[in-house]
Amino acid sequence: MFSYKIVTVFAMLMMVFTSAFAGDKYVPDPAHTNIGFQVKHMVITTVSGNFTDYDYSFVYDEKNPENSAIKASIKVASVNTDNEKRDNHLRSGDFFDAEKHPEITFESNKIIQNDDGFVAVGNLTMRGVTKEIELPFTITGIIQDPWGNTKMGVESRLTIDRQDFNVSWNNTLDTGGLVVSDEVDIILDLQLKKS
């Protein structure tokens, strides 16, 4: 009788565990993914960049999206704006401080579905500072590619204030504007492959 109760409790725990982590796992297709950003330079110009070294996973439960989960990490040293001098400055202590803080990470705490798609509420860590953010995203489609792989498209746009994460270097122009805007537009165009 005692052993039957133990088996029953164990089975119930396994059911709860399985339901909490149910879903399909998707991982990056780097050839068709862009993890990018844009900032204003001297008020008049938009400068774009991206990161080329990253890893992320999206466990997607289509029937119960709230059970889905996102986890991502970006190697700061992989920043690329097509200008070596500027990239080295971004890696320095003035900006990302890649030597002391080599990664930017995000991990969702919950996924919310709304009329516009989804919102991943989670912790973004940059330069040693962790803040909870809301990352809106849309799933643009799930298809089977010609080679039999299941692919998913995800798009996200978000604006953050880099000062919130101690990425604080700046200079002021004679006109009063900033050399580099505090607002940074995050641009995620992701193609994921079911693993």
C-alpha atoms as a PDB file:
ATOM      1  CA  MET A   1       0.000   0.000   0.000  1.00  0.00           C
ATOM      2  CA  PHE A   2       2.807   2.397   0.944  1.00  0.00           C
ATOM      3  CA  SER A   3       4.755   1.623  -2.243  1.00  0.00           C
ATOM      4  CA  TYR A   4       1.590   2.145  -4.325  1.00  0.00           C
ATOM      5  CA  LYS A   5       1.207   5.644  -2.847  1.00  0.00           C
ATOM      6  CA  ILE A   6       4.837   6.470  -3.642  1.00  0.00           C
ATOM      7  CA  VAL A   7       4.417   5.306  -7.238  1.00  0.00           C
ATOM      8  CA  THR A   8       1.199   7.354  -7.568  1.00  0.00           C
ATOM      9  CA  VAL A   9       2.821  10.525  -6.214  1.00  0.00           C
ATOM     10  CA  PHE A  10       5.842  10.034  -8.482  1.00  0.00           C
ATOM     11  CA  ALA A  11       3.598   9.565 -11.514  1.00  0.00           C
ATOM     12  CA  MET A  12       1.679  12.745 -10.686  1.00  0.00           C
ATOM     13  CA  LEU A  13       4.922  14.711 -10.319  1.00  0.00           C
ATOM     14  CA  MET A  14       6.125  13.405 -13.678  1.00  0.00           C
ATOM     15  CA  MET A  15       2.852  14.506 -15.303  1.00  0.00           C
ATOM     16  CA  VAL A  16       3.223  18.014 -13.860  1.00  0.00           C
ATOM     17  CA  PHE A  17       6.873  18.196 -14.908  1.00  0.00           C
ATOM     18  CA  THR A  18       6.111  16.993 -18.437  1.00  0.00           C
ATOM     19  CA  SER A  19       3.219  19.425 -18.910  1.00  0.00           C
ATOM     20  CA  ALA A  20       5.309  22.338 -17.644  1.00  0.00           C
ATOM     21  CA  PHE A  21       8.026  21.658 -20.214  1.00  0.00           C
ATOM     22  CA  ALA A  22       5.902  20.341 -23.082  1.00  0.00           C
ATOM     23  CA  GLY A  23       6.562  21.753 -26.511  1.00  0.00           C
ATOM     24  CA  ASP A  24       8.913  21.641 -29.459  1.00  0.00           C
ATOM     25  CA  LYS A  25      12.437  22.983 -29.131  1.00  0.00           C
ATOM     26  CA  TYR A  26      13.681  25.347 -31.826  1.00  0.00           C
ATOM     27  CA  VAL A  27      17.284  26.502 -32.255  1.00  0.00           C
ATOM     28  CA  PRO A  28      18.967  29.093 -34.513  1.00  0.00           C
ATOM     29  CA  ASP A  29      19.371  28.849 -38.262  1.00  0.00           C
ATOM     30  CA  PRO A  30      22.307  31.327 -38.352  1.00  0.00           C
ATOM     31  CA  ALA A  31      22.322  31.721 -42.138  1.00  0.00           C
ATOM     32  CA  HIS A  32      18.873  33.319 -41.994  1.00  0.00           C
ATOM     33  CA  THR A  33      18.978  35.129 -38.655  1.00  0.00           C
ATOM     34  CA  ASN A  34      19.785  38.724 -37.747  1.00  0.00           C
ATOM     35  CA  ILE A  35      20.238  39.936 -34.180  1.00  0.00           C
ATOM     36  CA  GLY A  36      20.613  43.632 -34.801  1.00  0.00           C
ATOM     37  CA  PHE A  37      20.350  47.114 -33.344  1.00  0.00           C
ATOM     38  CA  GLN A  38      20.093  50.719 -34.473  1.00  0.00           C
ATOM     39  CA  VAL A  39      21.085  53.978 -32.758  1.00  0.00           C
ATOM     40  CA  LYS A  40      21.044  57.610 -33.764  1.00  0.00           C
ATOM     41  CA  HIS A  41      24.474  59.165 -34.335  1.00  0.00           C
ATOM     42  CA  MET A  42      24.829  62.926 -33.924  1.00  0.00           C
ATOM     43  CA  VAL A  43      21.022  63.148 -34.095  1.00  0.00           C
ATOM     44  CA  ILE A  44      20.983  63.083 -37.901  1.00  0.00           C
ATOM     45  CA  THR A  45      22.070  59.537 -38.846  1.00  0.00           C
ATOM     46  CA  THR A  46      20.963  56.013 -37.968  1.00  0.00           C
ATOM     47  CA  VAL A  47      23.819  53.547 -37.476  1.00  0.00           C
ATOM     48  CA  SER A  48      23.046  49.829 -37.677  1.00  0.00           C
ATOM     49  CA  GLY A  49      24.902  46.869 -36.267  1.00  0.00           C
ATOM     50  CA  ASN A  50      24.452  43.255 -35.272  1.00  0.00           C
ATOM     51  CA  PHE A  51      25.982  40.388 -33.329  1.00  0.00           C
ATOM     52  CA  THR A  52      27.353  37.375 -35.169  1.00  0.00           C
ATOM     53  CA  ASP A  53      28.002  34.952 -32.281  1.00  0.00           C
ATOM     54  CA  TYR A  54      24.958  33.898 -30.294  1.00  0.00           C
ATOM     55  CA  ASP A  55      22.875  30.978 -29.128  1.00  0.00           C
ATOM     56  CA  TYR A  56      19.218  30.752 -28.229  1.00  0.00           C
ATOM     57  CA  SER A  57      16.438  28.239 -27.813  1.00  0.00           C
ATOM     58  CA  PHE A  58      12.682  28.570 -28.012  1.00  0.00           C
ATOM     59  CA  VAL A  59      10.591  25.796 -26.493  1.00  0.00           C
ATOM     60  CA  TYR A  60       7.210  26.413 -28.102  1.00  0.00           C
ATOM     61  CA  ASP A  61       4.011  24.799 -26.875  1.00  0.00           C
ATOM     62  CA  GLU A  62       1.540  25.600 -29.632  1.00  0.00           C
ATOM     63  CA  LYS A  63      -1.487  24.352 -27.676  1.00  0.00           C
ATOM     64  CA  ASN A  64      -0.522  26.168 -24.482  1.00  0.00           C
ATOM     65  CA  PRO A  65       1.790  29.082 -25.408  1.00  0.00           C
ATOM     66  CA  GLU A  66       2.074  30.142 -21.770  1.00  0.00           C
ATOM     67  CA  ASN A  67       4.152  26.979 -21.237  1.00  0.00           C
ATOM     68  CA  SER A  68       6.707  28.157 -23.807  1.00  0.00           C
ATOM     69  CA  ALA A  69      10.167  29.450 -22.837  1.00  0.00           C
ATOM     70  CA  ILE A  70      13.004  31.463 -24.372  1.00  0.00           C
ATOM     71  CA  LYS A  71      16.674  31.494 -23.433  1.00  0.00           C
ATOM     72  CA  ALA A  72      19.381  33.412 -25.288  1.00  0.00           C
ATOM     73  CA  SER A  73      23.004  34.483 -24.982  1.00  0.00           C
ATOM     74  CA  ILE A  74      25.028  36.839 -27.186  1.00  0.00           C
ATOM     75  CA  LYS A  75      28.820  37.129 -27.286  1.00  0.00           C
ATOM     76  CA  VAL A  76      29.462  40.867 -26.949  1.00  0.00           C
ATOM     77  CA  ALA A  77      32.825  40.672 -28.743  1.00  0.00           C
ATOM     78  CA  SER A  78      30.997  39.647 -31.931  1.00  0.00           C
ATOM     79  CA  VAL A  79      29.481  43.128 -32.348  1.00  0.00           C
ATOM     80  CA  ASN A  80      29.699  44.251 -35.978  1.00  0.00           C
ATOM     81  CA  THR A  81      28.916  47.666 -37.454  1.00  0.00           C
ATOM     82  CA  ASP A  82      31.179  47.329 -40.519  1.00  0.00           C
ATOM     83  CA  ASN A  83      33.690  49.706 -38.930  1.00  0.00           C
ATOM     84  CA  GLU A  84      36.594  48.157 -37.013  1.00  0.00           C
ATOM     85  CA  LYS A  85      37.448  51.280 -35.020  1.00  0.00           C
ATOM     86  CA  ARG A  86      33.843  51.742 -33.913  1.00  0.00           C
ATOM     87  CA  ASP A  87      33.464  48.035 -33.116  1.00  0.00           C
ATOM     88  CA  ASN A  88      36.552  48.111 -30.898  1.00  0.00           C
ATOM     89  CA  HIS A  89      35.153  51.170 -29.120  1.00  0.00           C
ATOM     90  CA  LEU A  90      31.866  49.326 -28.528  1.00  0.00           C
ATOM     91  CA  ARG A  91      33.784  46.384 -27.029  1.00  0.00           C
ATOM     92  CA  SER A  92      35.674  48.700 -24.678  1.00  0.00           C
ATOM     93  CA  GLY A  93      34.810  49.859 -21.177  1.00  0.00           C
ATOM     94  CA  ASP A  94      33.064  52.921 -22.625  1.00  0.00           C
ATOM     95  CA  PHE A  95      30.253  50.701 -23.884  1.00  0.00           C
ATOM     96  CA  PHE A  96      29.801  46.925 -23.481  1.00  0.00           C
ATOM     97  CA  ASP A  97      33.067  46.214 -21.635  1.00  0.00           C
ATOM     98  CA  ALA A  98      33.363  42.836 -23.357  1.00  0.00           C
ATOM     99  CA  GLU A  99      36.369  41.722 -21.306  1.00  0.00           C
ATOM    100  CA  LYS A 100      34.524  41.962 -17.972  1.00  0.00           C
ATOM    101  CA  HIS A 101      31.032  41.240 -19.279  1.00  0.00           C
ATOM    102  CA  PRO A 102      31.409  38.918 -22.277  1.00  0.00           C
ATOM    103  CA  GLU A 103      27.723  38.053 -22.712  1.00  0.00           C
ATOM    104  CA  ILE A 104      24.305  39.629 -23.021  1.00  0.00           C
ATOM    105  CA  THR A 105      21.652  37.176 -21.834  1.00  0.00           C
ATOM    106  CA  PHE A 106      17.879  36.920 -21.797  1.00  0.00           C
ATOM    107  CA  GLU A 107      15.710  34.320 -20.090  1.00  0.00           C
ATOM    108  CA  SER A 108      11.937  34.414 -20.079  1.00  0.00           C
ATOM    109  CA  ASN A 109       9.915  34.044 -16.900  1.00  0.00           C
ATOM    110  CA  LYS A 110       6.606  33.794 -18.723  1.00  0.00           C
ATOM    111  CA  ILE A 111       5.093  34.039 -22.190  1.00  0.00           C
ATOM    112  CA  ILE A 112       1.864  35.979 -22.706  1.00  0.00           C
ATOM    113  CA  GLN A 113      -0.293  35.726 -25.825  1.00  0.00           C
ATOM    114  CA  ASN A 114      -2.138  38.841 -26.961  1.00  0.00           C
ATOM    115  CA  ASP A 115      -3.896  40.215 -30.046  1.00  0.00           C
ATOM    116  CA  ASP A 116      -0.574  41.296 -31.589  1.00  0.00           C
ATOM    117  CA  GLY A 117       1.247  38.022 -31.008  1.00  0.00           C
ATOM    118  CA  PHE A 118       3.248  37.278 -27.874  1.00  0.00           C
ATOM    119  CA  VAL A 119       5.208  38.984 -25.117  1.00  0.00           C
ATOM    120  CA  ALA A 120       8.133  37.293 -23.401  1.00  0.00           C
ATOM    121  CA  VAL A 121       8.515  38.722 -19.903  1.00  0.00           C
ATOM    122  CA  GLY A 122      11.983  37.984 -18.625  1.00  0.00           C
ATOM    123  CA  ASN A 123      15.381  39.100 -17.404  1.00  0.00           C
ATOM    124  CA  LEU A 124      17.793  40.911 -19.724  1.00  0.00           C
ATOM    125  CA  THR A 125      21.365  41.101 -18.444  1.00  0.00           C
ATOM    126  CA  MET A 126      23.886  43.468 -20.001  1.00  0.00           C
ATOM    127  CA  ARG A 127      27.155  44.756 -18.558  1.00  0.00           C
ATOM    128  CA  GLY A 128      26.352  43.067 -15.242  1.00  0.00           C
ATOM    129  CA  VAL A 129      22.958  44.754 -14.869  1.00  0.00           C
ATOM    130  CA  THR A 130      19.800  42.634 -14.888  1.00  0.00           C
ATOM    131  CA  LYS A 131      16.378  44.138 -15.534  1.00  0.00           C
ATOM    132  CA  GLU A 132      13.014  42.607 -16.284  1.00  0.00           C
ATOM    133  CA  ILE A 133      11.781  43.594 -19.735  1.00  0.00           C
ATOM    134  CA  GLU A 134       8.835  42.809 -21.962  1.00  0.00           C
ATOM    135  CA  LEU A 135       9.948  41.484 -25.330  1.00  0.00           C
ATOM    136  CA  PRO A 136       7.112  41.547 -27.892  1.00  0.00           C
ATOM    137  CA  PHE A 137       7.374  39.094 -30.766  1.00  0.00           C
ATOM    138  CA  THR A 138       5.361  37.526 -33.547  1.00  0.00           C
ATOM    139  CA  ILE A 139       5.635  34.072 -35.061  1.00  0.00           C
ATOM    140  CA  THR A 140       5.551  34.742 -38.790  1.00  0.00           C
ATOM    141  CA  GLY A 141       5.048  31.123 -39.760  1.00  0.00           C
ATOM    142  CA  ILE A 142       6.013  27.484 -39.305  1.00  0.00           C
ATOM    143  CA  ILE A 143       6.854  25.566 -42.479  1.00  0.00           C
ATOM    144  CA  GLN A 144       8.559  22.462 -43.787  1.00  0.00           C
ATOM    145  CA  ASP A 145      11.596  23.352 -45.888  1.00  0.00           C
ATOM    146  CA  PRO A 146      12.594  21.384 -49.046  1.00  0.00           C
ATOM    147  CA  TRP A 147      15.013  19.264 -46.991  1.00  0.00           C
ATOM    148  CA  GLY A 148      12.408  18.103 -44.494  1.00  0.00           C
ATOM    149  CA  ASN A 149      13.315  20.481 -41.663  1.00  0.00           C
ATOM    150  CA  THR A 150      10.622  22.253 -39.671  1.00  0.00           C
ATOM    151  CA  LYS A 151      11.375  25.982 -39.653  1.00  0.00           C
ATOM    152  CA  MET A 152       9.852  28.863 -37.704  1.00  0.00           C
ATOM    153  CA  GLY A 153      10.068  32.582 -38.365  1.00  0.00           C
ATOM    154  CA  VAL A 154      10.087  35.043 -35.459  1.00  0.00           C
ATOM    155  CA  GLU A 155      10.246  38.838 -35.555  1.00  0.00           C
ATOM    156  CA  SER A 156      10.658  41.256 -32.667  1.00  0.00           C
ATOM    157  CA  ARG A 157      11.168  44.986 -32.264  1.00  0.00           C
ATOM    158  CA  LEU A 158      11.996  46.654 -28.955  1.00  0.00           C
ATOM    159  CA  THR A 159      13.484  49.960 -27.792  1.00  0.00           C
ATOM    160  CA  ILE A 160      15.618  50.071 -24.645  1.00  0.00           C
ATOM    161  CA  ASP A 161      17.504  52.831 -22.847  1.00  0.00           C
ATOM    162  CA  ARG A 162      21.172  51.812 -22.737  1.00  0.00           C
ATOM    163  CA  GLN A 163      21.693  53.990 -19.661  1.00  0.00           C
ATOM    164  CA  ASP A 164      19.540  51.499 -17.721  1.00  0.00           C
ATOM    165  CA  PHE A 165      22.336  48.963 -18.261  1.00  0.00           C
ATOM    166  CA  ASN A 166      25.285  51.288 -17.533  1.00  0.00           C
ATOM    167  CA  VAL A 167      26.239  51.520 -21.207  1.00  0.00           C
ATOM    168  CA  SER A 168      26.709  55.191 -20.596  1.00  0.00           C
ATOM    169  CA  TRP A 169      29.489  56.775 -22.687  1.00  0.00           C
ATOM    170  CA  ASN A 170      28.490  59.900 -24.583  1.00  0.00           C
ATOM    171  CA  ASN A 171      29.487  63.366 -25.716  1.00  0.00           C
ATOM    172  CA  THR A 172      27.286  66.406 -26.230  1.00  0.00           C
ATOM    173  CA  LEU A 173      27.228  68.322 -29.487  1.00  0.00           C
ATOM    174  CA  ASP A 174      27.463  72.120 -29.582  1.00  0.00           C
ATOM    175  CA  THR A 175      23.792  72.106 -30.572  1.00  0.00           C
ATOM    176  CA  GLY A 176      22.906  70.199 -27.378  1.00  0.00           C
ATOM    177  CA  GLY A 177      22.248  66.832 -29.016  1.00  0.00           C
ATOM    178  CA  LEU A 178      24.031  63.611 -28.090  1.00  0.00           C
ATOM    179  CA  VAL A 179      26.707  61.950 -30.211  1.00  0.00           C
ATOM    180  CA  VAL A 180      25.052  58.578 -29.532  1.00  0.00           C
ATOM    181  CA  SER A 181      21.378  58.294 -28.635  1.00  0.00           C
ATOM    182  CA  ASP A 182      20.425  56.691 -25.340  1.00  0.00           C
ATOM    183  CA  GLU A 183      17.562  54.865 -27.047  1.00  0.00           C
ATOM    184  CA  VAL A 184      18.601  51.696 -28.857  1.00  0.00           C
ATOM    185  CA  ASP A 185      16.257  49.873 -31.217  1.00  0.00           C
ATOM    186  CA  ILE A 186      16.595  46.091 -30.986  1.00  0.00           C
ATOM    187  CA  ILE A 187      15.783  44.268 -34.232  1.00  0.00           C
ATOM    188  CA  LEU A 188      15.337  40.487 -34.198  1.00  0.00           C
ATOM    189  CA  ASP A 189      14.642  38.639 -37.456  1.00  0.00           C
ATOM    190  CA  LEU A 190      15.024  34.991 -36.590  1.00  0.00           C
ATOM    191  CA  GLN A 191      14.700  31.759 -38.495  1.00  0.00           C
ATOM    192  CA  LEU A 192      14.664  28.766 -36.181  1.00  0.00           C
ATOM    193  CA  LYS A 193      14.973  25.059 -36.835  1.00  0.00           C
ATOM    194  CA  LYS A 194      13.131  22.381 -34.884  1.00  0.00           C
ATOM    195  CA  SER A 195      15.749  20.283 -33.113  1.00  0.00           C
END
